[in-house]
Amino acid sequence: MIINFFVFVTNLILVAQINGFPASEDTQPKQNKPEENPDLFEGDMLFPPSMNPIDRGVALRGDEVVWTDGIIPYEIASGYASAQEKFIIASMEKLERLIAINNVQCIRFRPRISSDPYYITIVNGFGCSSHVGQNTGVDMIRRVTLQYPGCFLEAIIMHELLHTLGFFHEQSRPDRDDYIKVNYENIIPGREHNFEKYNNTVVDMLNTSYDYESVMHYPSNAFSVNNHSTIEPLQPNVTIGQRFNLSSIDILEVRILYNCLDTGVTLPPTTTTTTGN
């Protein structure tokens, strides 16, 4: 808990530095739960127009989900300050290194080139959201929205990038009823669909256990109409919905999905990234 609090405070200071103001100044616009856009599936996920995500399930099965060779080309659209772009790139690099094994890289984000058939476009739009997976063969803009300042914590950026890599939310696993209780009476009317379980015939849980500590887990009051719990862990004394870092199971799942236990490229030496002004 002390470590998590330190990381949280450090992230707040970094955001303040990016904006060019001291951390104590109340300069951040009011933004209520940027990962809970009522117009998006489960609040922050996007899909090709022809896909019904509820029918499809978790979408972790199929070659069309995984990015080819673990390489995710990206472009950052205009609308960010230079220091904000650096913070996004630093968060990508942190994700790469968390997933790497003994400096063997499993996934890599790099600026797109003209020959890339698929790439993500990062925009300073409304809220925090991402398309899920590569979606091979689909002609569309693969948009990742990271609104400043509401999405500018490392773990929130990594949460959205895990969607980009093909992952859905933890609390919708087929086995979730063994681990959590959903309090439908506390959910905003009309938002109950955000708490459906994925189809067990198509979901791939990658032989991992349910993870209360996952950065992909909803918080306890997600989509709450009264700020009471919409999700209650059945195990006592656990916290859900953390946005501090990837859990060990988050890391393992990416390694399994991208087969990085046997393949990868060697990472360059670690460099120091500054937030700038």
Foldseek 3Di string as FASTA:
>chain_A
DVVLVVLVVVLLQLLCVLVVHGSVDPPADDDDALQQDVVDQLRAEDEPPVDDDQVQFLQLDDPQFADPQQEAAEDEDPDGDPLLVLLLVVLQVVLQVLLDDPQFTLHYYHHDDPPDPFHAYEYQDGGFHWYAGRRPPDDDHGYTYQHPPPQRRSLSSVLRVNRHRHGAALCQEPPNVVWKDFDVVFADPPRCSSRHHGDPVNDDPVPDDRDQAACRYQFQQRRGPVSHGRMGTPDPPTGHNRRRDGDPVSSVVSCSSSVVVPDGHGDDDDDDGDSHD
